[in-house]
Amino acid sequence: MSDAPATAAPGRSPGIARIVSASLIGTTIEWYDFFLYGSAAALVFNTLFFPTADPLVGTLIAFITYAIGFAARPLGGVVFGHFGDKIGRKKLLVISLLMMGGATFAMGLLPTYETIGIGAPILLTVLRLIQGFALGGEWGGAVLIVSEHGGDKQRGFWASWPQAGAPGGNLLATGVLALLAAVQSEEAFTSWGWRIPFLLSGVLVLIGLWIRVSVSESPVFLAAKAKAQADAARGIKEKAPVVEVFRRSWREVLTAIGTRFGENISYYVLTAFLLVYVTTHLGLPKSTALNAVLIASAVHFVTIPLWGALSDRIGRRPVTLIGSAGMALWAFAFFTLVDSKSFTVITLAVTVGLLLHGAMYGPQAAFISEMFDTKVRYSGASMGSQLASIVAGALAPIIAVELLREYDSATPVALYLCLAAVITTVTVALARETRGRDLARDMAAGSPREARRPERAAAGTDTV
């Protein structure tokens, strides 16, 4: 399908359900690829690619390569953001899907350390870098193409669906691993069974690609592109989007980082680190942690859009604060419940934790999208979110594993999780409400906040 004309009226697109479906499916596949590595790092990569005498040390090294993928995400955000703001959201989303899927499929073909020695972890690390680079460009494009197609009053709901791709991908990755663990012996899974989910990515990418190429470009972007072309014809030159972001919207970038900080850390502690804690520290079977995360992720997937819809009614900030403040308190109860070693109680602990995470994550796409001007929105949203991934998500499993190894207790990990949630709480409490902003209306040249108008017509008062 060809892109919509530049004269398409901004606002809610008549094909918004199709746009949302394409973004959700593509994002789910990309997160499946990304999370599959995290689950494998906790379960098998420590012995297959990083064999050491101490299981926790091997896991720690595996998580370091896991973190390298996060290190590549800001670079991917800058590169994809630049070209996404220049040539469009749709084209870059197709490229990111192909890069991610290709790298994941190749992981399923890698020889292990036993076969080629040091070359195995090196190749694995290179492919992880490609994954991170691709995902760095995926998030901004997926949420923006939905945000810019959707109307102002329901943006929180529509834009939260690509967010649901994260638990959807984790649900898919964990589900495949749990199924294989259930039908295979430990020896078969470690020998060759772990490769199946990675090779499956090739099929999923073809499905996602077929769906993603059918969507139209964002009408808001097309209108901004037409204006930029008209300005260029008059001799007006624009700076590179990344330069404009740091020149005019650096405060918004910092706000985006703080907003994602507690959300990012909590997610990886509740999912990736939990697999290590339950299997290595508590000595329970892999299936206990995998099935708990599987059930909790299903609830997480369903409730994220509900949190997004609530943010359309009461604002992005109040909903996010429910999640961050709740997570600060739940951090301690979480590990107390997990230490019970009861599958039912562990599942409850993870489910409540992911419900609180969803309150932070659901409104986030709309909240961050509404912070930036159209011509730098892809760059600004990608940079803010992906810089947070380095200081938060990338280090979370490493810090948590090291704290567990050093103190042989979950209490320091709970304190770490609580502090991260407090940082997000303070950031969001100090931020301005963005609900109701007209994304087609660019920020004025003077103050970047002149275009940031909270929705007054529906609420009757300004939301601060």
Protein backbone atom coordinates (compact mmCIF):
# COMPACT_ATOMS: atom_id res chain seq x y z
CA MET A 1 0.00 0.00 0.00
CA SER A 2 1.29 3.44 -0.81
CA ASP A 3 1.75 6.08 1.82
CA ALA A 4 -1.13 8.41 2.54
CA PRO A 5 -0.93 11.79 0.85
CA ALA A 6 0.72 14.64 2.65
CA THR A 7 -2.59 16.43 2.84
CA ALA A 8 -4.14 13.74 4.99
CA ALA A 9 -5.78 15.33 7.95
CA PRO A 10 -4.05 14.62 11.22
CA GLY A 11 -6.09 13.09 13.97
CA ARG A 12 -7.66 9.68 14.30
CA SER A 13 -7.04 7.57 11.20
CA PRO A 14 -9.94 5.45 9.87
CA GLY A 15 -7.51 2.51 9.75
CA ILE A 16 -6.23 2.92 13.31
CA ALA A 17 -7.09 -0.68 14.27
CA ARG A 18 -4.95 -1.99 11.39
CA ILE A 19 -2.09 0.36 12.31
CA VAL A 20 -2.25 -0.80 15.92
CA SER A 21 -2.34 -4.46 14.88
CA ALA A 22 0.70 -4.06 12.63
CA SER A 23 2.66 -2.26 15.34
CA LEU A 24 1.65 -4.75 18.03
CA ILE A 25 2.54 -7.82 15.98
CA GLY A 26 5.86 -6.39 14.81
CA THR A 27 6.79 -5.19 18.28
CA THR A 28 5.82 -8.53 19.83
CA ILE A 29 8.12 -10.35 17.41
CA GLU A 30 11.02 -7.98 18.09
CA TRP A 31 10.60 -8.27 21.86
CA TYR A 32 10.30 -12.05 21.49
CA ASP A 33 13.73 -12.02 19.86
CA PHE A 34 15.21 -9.69 22.48
CA PHE A 35 13.75 -11.44 25.54
CA LEU A 36 14.58 -14.88 24.22
CA TYR A 37 18.23 -14.01 24.71
CA GLY A 38 17.59 -12.92 28.31
CA SER A 39 15.79 -16.14 29.17
CA ALA A 40 18.46 -18.24 27.47
CA ALA A 41 21.19 -16.29 29.28
CA ALA A 42 19.61 -17.22 32.59
CA LEU A 43 19.01 -20.87 31.69
CA VAL A 44 21.59 -22.26 29.24
CA PHE A 45 24.04 -19.67 27.85
CA ASN A 46 26.07 -19.69 31.07
CA THR A 47 27.12 -23.29 30.43
CA LEU A 48 27.08 -23.40 26.61
CA PHE A 49 28.95 -20.18 25.85
CA PHE A 50 30.49 -19.07 29.17
CA PRO A 51 31.44 -22.24 31.09
CA THR A 52 32.93 -21.58 34.55
CA ALA A 53 33.17 -23.49 37.83
CA ASP A 54 30.75 -21.12 39.59
CA PRO A 55 27.22 -21.13 38.05
CA LEU A 56 26.51 -17.57 39.26
CA VAL A 57 29.73 -16.29 37.68
CA GLY A 58 28.80 -17.90 34.36
CA THR A 59 25.34 -16.37 34.60
CA LEU A 60 26.86 -13.00 35.42
CA ILE A 61 29.05 -13.14 32.30
CA ALA A 62 26.05 -14.19 30.21
CA PHE A 63 24.12 -11.20 31.52
CA ILE A 64 27.03 -8.89 30.66
CA THR A 65 26.61 -9.87 27.00
CA TYR A 66 22.87 -9.42 27.58
CA ALA A 67 23.65 -5.86 28.69
CA ILE A 68 25.75 -5.22 25.58
CA GLY A 69 22.55 -5.38 23.59
CA PHE A 70 21.25 -2.48 25.65
CA ALA A 71 24.44 -0.51 25.03
CA ALA A 72 23.74 -0.63 21.29
CA ARG A 73 20.15 0.59 21.70
CA PRO A 74 20.90 4.34 22.04
CA LEU A 75 23.03 4.22 18.89
CA GLY A 76 20.16 2.48 17.13
CA GLY A 77 17.81 5.12 18.53
CA VAL A 78 19.97 7.95 17.13
CA VAL A 79 20.41 6.39 13.69
CA PHE A 80 16.84 5.16 13.28
CA GLY A 81 15.49 8.35 14.86
CA HIS A 82 17.43 10.55 12.43
CA PHE A 83 16.24 8.72 9.33
CA GLY A 84 12.78 8.14 10.79
CA ASP A 85 12.37 11.91 11.21
CA LYS A 86 13.73 12.45 7.70
CA ILE A 87 12.21 9.73 5.51
CA GLY A 88 9.41 8.25 7.61
CA ARG A 89 8.46 5.89 10.41
CA LYS A 90 7.26 2.96 8.27
CA LYS A 91 10.47 2.30 6.28
CA LEU A 92 12.62 2.22 9.40
CA LEU A 93 10.23 -0.17 11.17
CA VAL A 94 10.63 -2.66 8.32
CA ILE A 95 14.43 -2.42 8.50
CA SER A 96 14.50 -2.89 12.29
CA LEU A 97 12.32 -6.00 12.03
CA LEU A 98 14.61 -7.59 9.42
CA MET A 99 17.76 -6.82 11.42
CA MET A 100 16.36 -8.19 14.67
CA GLY A 101 14.94 -11.34 13.12
CA GLY A 102 18.08 -12.09 11.14
CA ALA A 103 20.33 -11.80 14.20
CA THR A 104 18.07 -13.99 16.32
CA PHE A 105 17.80 -16.69 13.64
CA ALA A 106 21.61 -16.71 13.35
CA MET A 107 21.91 -17.30 17.12
CA GLY A 108 20.05 -20.55 16.66
CA LEU A 109 22.79 -21.72 14.28
CA LEU A 110 25.79 -20.77 16.42
CA PRO A 111 28.32 -23.41 17.49
CA THR A 112 28.95 -23.48 21.24
CA TYR A 113 32.14 -22.93 23.26
CA GLU A 114 32.80 -26.66 23.30
CA THR A 115 32.91 -26.66 19.48
CA ILE A 116 34.90 -23.54 18.53
CA GLY A 117 36.10 -22.12 21.84
CA ILE A 118 36.32 -18.35 22.34
CA GLY A 119 34.83 -17.70 18.89
CA ALA A 120 31.40 -18.82 20.16
CA PRO A 121 30.87 -16.07 22.78
CA ILE A 122 32.39 -13.49 20.39
CA LEU A 123 29.90 -14.33 17.65
CA LEU A 124 27.07 -14.39 20.18
CA THR A 125 28.07 -10.93 21.41
CA VAL A 126 28.17 -9.49 17.86
CA LEU A 127 24.67 -10.79 17.15
CA ARG A 128 23.49 -9.36 20.47
CA LEU A 129 24.82 -5.95 19.40
CA ILE A 130 22.80 -6.17 16.19
CA GLN A 131 19.70 -7.07 18.22
CA GLY A 132 20.17 -4.06 20.48
CA PHE A 133 20.79 -1.69 17.56
CA ALA A 134 17.59 -2.84 15.85
CA LEU A 135 15.47 -2.63 19.01
CA GLY A 136 16.79 0.88 19.65
CA GLY A 137 15.01 2.00 16.49
CA GLU A 138 11.93 -0.18 16.91
CA TRP A 139 10.34 1.31 20.01
CA GLY A 140 10.21 4.93 18.87
CA GLY A 141 8.86 4.12 15.43
CA ALA A 142 6.23 1.64 16.63
CA VAL A 143 4.70 3.91 19.26
CA LEU A 144 4.94 7.03 17.10
CA ILE A 145 3.21 5.63 14.05
CA VAL A 146 0.29 4.70 16.32
CA SER A 147 0.37 7.94 18.33
CA GLU A 148 0.40 10.05 15.18
CA HIS A 149 -2.45 8.11 13.56
CA GLY A 150 -4.61 8.15 16.68
CA GLY A 151 -6.66 11.10 17.93
CA ASP A 152 -5.74 13.25 20.92
CA LYS A 153 -8.46 11.94 23.25
CA GLN A 154 -7.69 8.21 22.96
CA ARG A 155 -3.96 8.34 22.30
CA GLY A 156 -3.08 6.72 25.62
CA PHE A 157 -5.20 3.68 24.78
CA TRP A 158 -4.09 3.23 21.17
CA ALA A 159 -0.40 3.93 21.83
CA SER A 160 -0.34 1.46 24.72
CA TRP A 161 -0.94 -1.49 22.38
CA PRO A 162 2.61 -1.48 20.97
CA GLN A 163 3.70 -1.39 24.62
CA ALA A 164 1.80 -4.63 25.11
CA GLY A 165 4.22 -6.11 22.58
CA ALA A 166 6.85 -6.33 25.36
CA PRO A 167 4.91 -8.75 27.58
CA GLY A 168 3.53 -10.33 24.40
CA GLY A 169 7.07 -11.07 23.24
CA ASN A 170 8.11 -12.24 26.69
CA LEU A 171 4.98 -14.39 26.88
CA LEU A 172 5.84 -15.96 23.54
CA ALA A 173 9.53 -16.48 24.37
CA THR A 174 8.86 -17.85 27.85
CA GLY A 175 6.01 -19.99 26.56
CA VAL A 176 8.16 -21.65 23.90
CA LEU A 177 10.97 -22.28 26.39
CA ALA A 178 8.53 -23.62 29.01
CA LEU A 179 6.98 -25.96 26.44
CA LEU A 180 10.36 -27.29 25.37
CA ALA A 181 11.46 -27.71 28.99
CA ALA A 182 8.28 -29.70 29.66
CA VAL A 183 8.54 -32.09 26.69
CA GLN A 184 12.32 -32.50 26.58
CA SER A 185 14.82 -33.91 28.98
CA GLU A 186 17.34 -31.54 30.55
CA GLU A 187 20.07 -33.05 28.36
CA ALA A 188 18.11 -32.67 25.12
CA PHE A 189 17.13 -29.09 25.89
CA THR A 190 20.72 -28.12 26.70
CA SER A 191 22.09 -30.01 23.69
CA TRP A 192 19.82 -28.77 20.90
CA GLY A 193 16.33 -27.90 22.15
CA TRP A 194 17.27 -24.34 23.08
CA ARG A 195 17.93 -23.60 19.38
CA ILE A 196 14.31 -24.12 18.31
CA PRO A 197 12.93 -20.79 19.66
CA PHE A 198 15.73 -18.87 17.93
CA LEU A 199 15.15 -20.58 14.58
CA LEU A 200 11.40 -20.00 14.95
CA SER A 201 12.14 -16.28 14.75
CA GLY A 202 12.71 -16.62 11.01
CA VAL A 203 9.09 -17.65 10.46
CA LEU A 204 7.74 -14.98 12.80
CA VAL A 205 9.69 -12.22 11.03
CA LEU A 206 8.21 -13.18 7.65
CA ILE A 207 4.72 -12.91 9.15
CA GLY A 208 5.51 -9.56 10.78
CA LEU A 209 7.08 -8.20 7.63
CA TRP A 210 4.03 -9.10 5.54
CA ILE A 211 1.79 -7.23 7.99
CA ARG A 212 4.06 -4.24 8.57
CA VAL A 213 4.60 -3.31 4.89
CA SER A 214 0.83 -2.96 4.46
CA VAL A 215 0.38 0.02 6.79
CA SER A 216 0.36 3.66 5.71
CA GLU A 217 2.80 6.31 6.82
CA SER A 218 1.81 8.67 9.64
CA PRO A 219 -0.28 11.60 8.33
CA VAL A 220 1.27 13.87 10.96
CA PHE A 221 4.74 13.00 9.67
CA LEU A 222 3.71 13.47 6.03
CA ALA A 223 2.34 16.92 6.81
CA ALA A 224 5.57 17.85 8.64
CA LYS A 225 7.65 16.49 5.76
CA ALA A 226 5.70 18.56 3.23
CA LYS A 227 6.29 21.66 5.34
CA ALA A 228 10.01 20.88 5.61
CA GLN A 229 10.22 20.47 1.83
CA ALA A 230 8.48 23.81 1.33
CA ASP A 231 10.88 25.46 3.77
CA ALA A 232 13.85 23.90 1.95
CA ALA A 233 12.56 25.28 -1.36
CA ARG A 234 12.63 28.75 0.22
CA GLY A 235 16.24 28.22 1.32
CA ILE A 236 15.47 27.48 4.99
CA LYS A 237 17.83 24.76 6.23
CA GLU A 238 17.01 22.55 9.18
CA LYS A 239 19.53 21.15 11.64
CA ALA A 240 19.82 17.38 12.10
CA PRO A 241 17.04 16.07 14.38
CA VAL A 242 19.51 14.85 17.01
CA VAL A 243 21.03 18.35 17.20
CA GLU A 244 17.58 19.92 17.53
CA VAL A 245 16.64 17.52 20.31
CA PHE A 246 19.61 18.46 22.48
CA ARG A 247 19.29 22.14 21.62
CA ARG A 248 15.59 22.58 22.35
CA SER A 249 14.32 19.51 24.20
CA TRP A 250 17.09 18.23 26.47
CA ARG A 251 14.84 18.62 29.51
CA GLU A 252 12.28 16.36 27.87
CA VAL A 253 14.99 13.77 27.14
CA LEU A 254 15.95 13.77 30.83
CA THR A 255 12.29 13.47 31.82
CA ALA A 256 11.88 10.49 29.49
CA ILE A 257 14.96 8.83 31.04
CA GLY A 258 13.65 9.34 34.57
CA THR A 259 10.17 8.14 33.59
CA ARG A 260 11.60 4.90 32.21
CA PHE A 261 14.16 4.32 34.97
CA GLY A 262 12.05 2.50 37.56
CA GLU A 263 9.90 0.86 34.89
CA ASN A 264 12.93 -0.56 33.07
CA ILE A 265 14.70 -1.89 36.18
CA SER A 266 11.57 -3.40 37.69
CA TYR A 267 10.72 -5.31 34.53
CA TYR A 268 14.07 -7.03 34.22
CA VAL A 269 14.25 -7.82 37.92
CA LEU A 270 10.74 -9.29 37.88
CA THR A 271 11.39 -11.42 34.80
CA ALA A 272 15.04 -12.07 33.81
CA PHE A 273 16.57 -11.95 37.32
CA LEU A 274 13.70 -13.97 38.76
CA LEU A 275 14.73 -16.94 36.59
CA VAL A 276 18.20 -16.84 38.15
CA TYR A 277 16.95 -16.31 41.69
CA VAL A 278 14.41 -19.13 41.61
CA THR A 279 16.66 -21.71 39.94
CA THR A 280 20.09 -20.87 41.39
CA HIS A 281 19.32 -19.39 44.82
CA LEU A 282 16.15 -21.26 45.76
CA GLY A 283 17.03 -24.46 43.92
CA LEU A 284 13.62 -24.83 42.26
CA PRO A 285 13.03 -26.29 38.77
CA LYS A 286 13.25 -24.01 35.70
CA SER A 287 9.58 -24.66 35.02
CA THR A 288 8.56 -22.96 38.28
CA ALA A 289 9.97 -19.59 37.26
CA LEU A 290 9.09 -19.94 33.56
CA ASN A 291 5.45 -20.79 34.25
CA ALA A 292 5.10 -18.03 36.84
CA VAL A 293 6.41 -15.46 34.38
CA LEU A 294 4.21 -16.98 31.66
CA ILE A 295 1.00 -16.52 33.66
CA ALA A 296 1.96 -13.07 34.91
CA SER A 297 2.90 -11.94 31.39
CA ALA A 298 -0.54 -12.94 30.11
CA VAL A 299 -2.17 -10.70 32.73
CA HIS A 300 0.38 -7.98 31.98
CA PHE A 301 -0.43 -8.12 28.26
CA VAL A 302 -4.18 -7.69 28.83
CA THR A 303 -3.96 -4.90 31.40
CA ILE A 304 -1.43 -2.56 29.73
CA PRO A 305 -4.06 -1.10 27.33
CA LEU A 306 -6.41 -0.64 30.30
CA TRP A 307 -3.80 1.51 32.05
CA GLY A 308 -3.34 3.43 28.78
CA ALA A 309 -7.08 4.03 28.56
CA LEU A 310 -7.16 5.21 32.18
CA SER A 311 -4.42 7.73 31.37
CA ASP A 312 -6.77 9.21 28.73
CA ARG A 313 -9.26 9.91 31.49
CA ILE A 314 -7.14 11.06 34.45
CA GLY A 315 -3.78 11.89 32.85
CA ARG A 316 -0.44 10.23 32.14
CA ARG A 317 1.17 11.35 35.40
CA PRO A 318 -1.38 9.98 37.92
CA VAL A 319 -1.41 6.52 36.33
CA THR A 320 2.38 6.38 36.14
CA LEU A 321 2.63 7.44 39.78
CA ILE A 322 0.30 4.62 40.82
CA GLY A 323 2.76 2.19 39.28
CA SER A 324 6.02 3.73 40.48
CA ALA A 325 4.91 4.39 44.07
CA GLY A 326 3.30 0.95 44.23
CA MET A 327 6.47 -0.70 42.94
CA ALA A 328 8.59 1.04 45.58
CA LEU A 329 6.47 -0.66 48.24
CA TRP A 330 5.99 -3.99 46.47
CA ALA A 331 9.74 -4.53 46.02
CA PHE A 332 10.06 -5.92 49.55
CA ALA A 333 6.86 -7.96 49.53
CA PHE A 334 7.87 -9.47 46.18
CA PHE A 335 10.95 -11.30 47.42
CA THR A 336 9.29 -12.30 50.67
CA LEU A 337 6.58 -14.06 48.65
CA VAL A 338 9.04 -15.62 46.20
CA ASP A 339 11.06 -17.02 49.11
CA SER A 340 8.00 -19.10 50.09
CA LYS A 341 8.97 -21.47 47.22
CA SER A 342 5.26 -21.97 46.51
CA PHE A 343 4.46 -21.83 42.80
CA THR A 344 1.08 -20.19 43.48
CA VAL A 345 2.59 -17.52 45.74
CA ILE A 346 5.50 -16.87 43.34
CA THR A 347 3.01 -16.42 40.49
CA LEU A 348 1.00 -13.98 42.61
CA ALA A 349 4.15 -12.00 43.43
CA VAL A 350 5.17 -11.68 39.77
CA THR A 351 1.62 -10.89 38.61
CA VAL A 352 1.13 -8.01 41.08
CA GLY A 353 4.61 -6.72 40.23
CA LEU A 354 3.85 -6.72 36.50
CA LEU A 355 0.46 -5.07 37.11
CA LEU A 356 2.28 -2.19 38.80
CA HIS A 357 4.85 -2.16 36.00
CA GLY A 358 1.98 -1.91 33.50
CA ALA A 359 0.74 1.24 35.21
CA MET A 360 4.11 2.81 34.42
CA TYR A 361 4.45 1.25 30.99
CA GLY A 362 0.92 1.66 29.59
CA PRO A 363 0.79 5.49 29.47
CA GLN A 364 4.49 5.79 28.64
CA ALA A 365 4.20 5.68 24.83
CA ALA A 366 1.75 8.56 24.72
CA PHE A 367 3.50 10.45 27.53
CA ILE A 368 6.91 10.43 25.84
CA SER A 369 5.50 10.98 22.33
CA GLU A 370 3.68 14.09 23.52
CA MET A 371 6.90 15.61 24.87
CA PHE A 372 8.44 16.23 21.42
CA ASP A 373 7.81 18.13 18.21
CA THR A 374 6.98 16.11 15.06
CA LYS A 375 10.21 16.85 13.22
CA VAL A 376 12.33 15.52 16.11
CA ARG A 377 9.81 13.18 17.76
CA TYR A 378 11.35 9.91 16.56
CA SER A 379 14.82 11.07 17.62
CA GLY A 380 13.71 12.52 20.95
CA ALA A 381 11.51 9.62 21.98
CA SER A 382 14.10 7.03 20.90
CA MET A 383 17.02 8.75 22.60
CA GLY A 384 15.18 9.34 25.86
CA SER A 385 13.91 5.78 26.06
CA GLN A 386 17.10 4.07 24.90
CA LEU A 387 19.49 6.10 27.05
CA ALA A 388 17.39 4.90 29.98
CA SER A 389 17.92 1.34 28.80
CA ILE A 390 21.69 1.67 29.38
CA VAL A 391 21.55 3.08 32.91
CA ALA A 392 18.53 1.00 33.91
CA GLY A 393 17.57 -2.16 32.03
CA ALA A 394 21.06 -3.11 30.85
CA LEU A 395 22.53 -3.08 34.33
CA ALA A 396 19.52 -4.39 36.27
CA PRO A 397 20.18 -8.16 35.93
CA ILE A 398 23.93 -7.65 36.40
CA ILE A 399 23.53 -5.54 39.54
CA ALA A 400 20.87 -7.88 40.93
CA VAL A 401 22.98 -11.02 40.33
CA GLU A 402 26.07 -9.36 41.85
CA LEU A 403 24.10 -8.21 44.91
CA LEU A 404 22.77 -11.74 45.36
CA ARG A 405 26.24 -13.23 44.98
CA GLU A 406 27.79 -10.74 47.42
CA TYR A 407 25.15 -10.81 50.17
CA ASP A 408 23.40 -14.14 49.53
CA SER A 409 20.14 -12.33 50.21
CA ALA A 410 17.37 -10.68 48.20
CA THR A 411 17.09 -7.69 50.55
CA PRO A 412 19.75 -5.59 48.74
CA VAL A 413 17.99 -6.34 45.44
CA ALA A 414 14.69 -5.17 46.93
CA LEU A 415 16.35 -1.94 48.07
CA TYR A 416 17.77 -1.44 44.56
CA LEU A 417 14.32 -1.96 43.01
CA CYS A 418 12.72 0.41 45.53
CA LEU A 419 15.26 3.17 44.84
CA ALA A 420 14.69 2.88 41.08
CA ALA A 421 10.93 3.24 41.56
CA VAL A 422 11.43 6.29 43.80
CA ILE A 423 13.54 7.98 41.08
CA THR A 424 10.69 7.54 38.59
CA THR A 425 8.16 8.75 41.14
CA VAL A 426 10.08 11.97 41.73
CA THR A 427 10.67 12.55 38.01
CA VAL A 428 7.01 12.12 37.06
CA ALA A 429 5.81 14.17 40.04
CA LEU A 430 7.92 17.09 38.77
CA ALA A 431 6.96 16.65 35.09
CA ARG A 432 4.17 18.46 33.28
CA GLU A 433 1.01 16.67 32.19
CA THR A 434 0.87 16.09 28.41
CA ARG A 435 -2.57 14.51 27.96
CA GLY A 436 -4.49 16.07 25.10
CA ARG A 437 -1.60 17.65 23.23
CA ASP A 438 -2.22 18.13 19.49
CA LEU A 439 0.70 16.28 17.87
CA ALA A 440 0.11 18.05 14.54
CA ARG A 441 0.87 21.38 16.19
CA ASP A 442 4.61 21.90 16.35
CA MET A 443 6.30 23.60 19.26
CA ALA A 444 6.83 27.29 18.85
CA ALA A 445 10.36 28.46 18.15
CA GLY A 446 10.58 30.16 21.52
CA SER A 447 9.58 27.83 24.30
CA PRO A 448 9.11 24.10 23.71
CA ARG A 449 6.27 24.16 26.22
CA GLU A 450 4.06 26.56 24.30
CA ALA A 451 2.63 23.69 22.29
CA ARG A 452 2.13 21.52 25.36
CA ARG A 453 -1.48 22.12 26.23
CA PRO A 454 -3.19 19.70 28.63
CA GLU A 455 -6.68 18.78 27.53
CA ARG A 456 -9.05 21.30 29.08
CA ALA A 457 -12.16 20.78 27.06
CA ALA A 458 -12.85 17.35 28.53
CA ALA A 459 -11.56 17.94 32.04
CA GLY A 460 -12.61 21.55 32.42
CA THR A 461 -9.38 22.48 34.17
CA ASP A 462 -5.68 22.41 33.46
CA THR A 463 -3.89 19.27 34.59
CA VAL A 464 -0.58 19.93 36.29
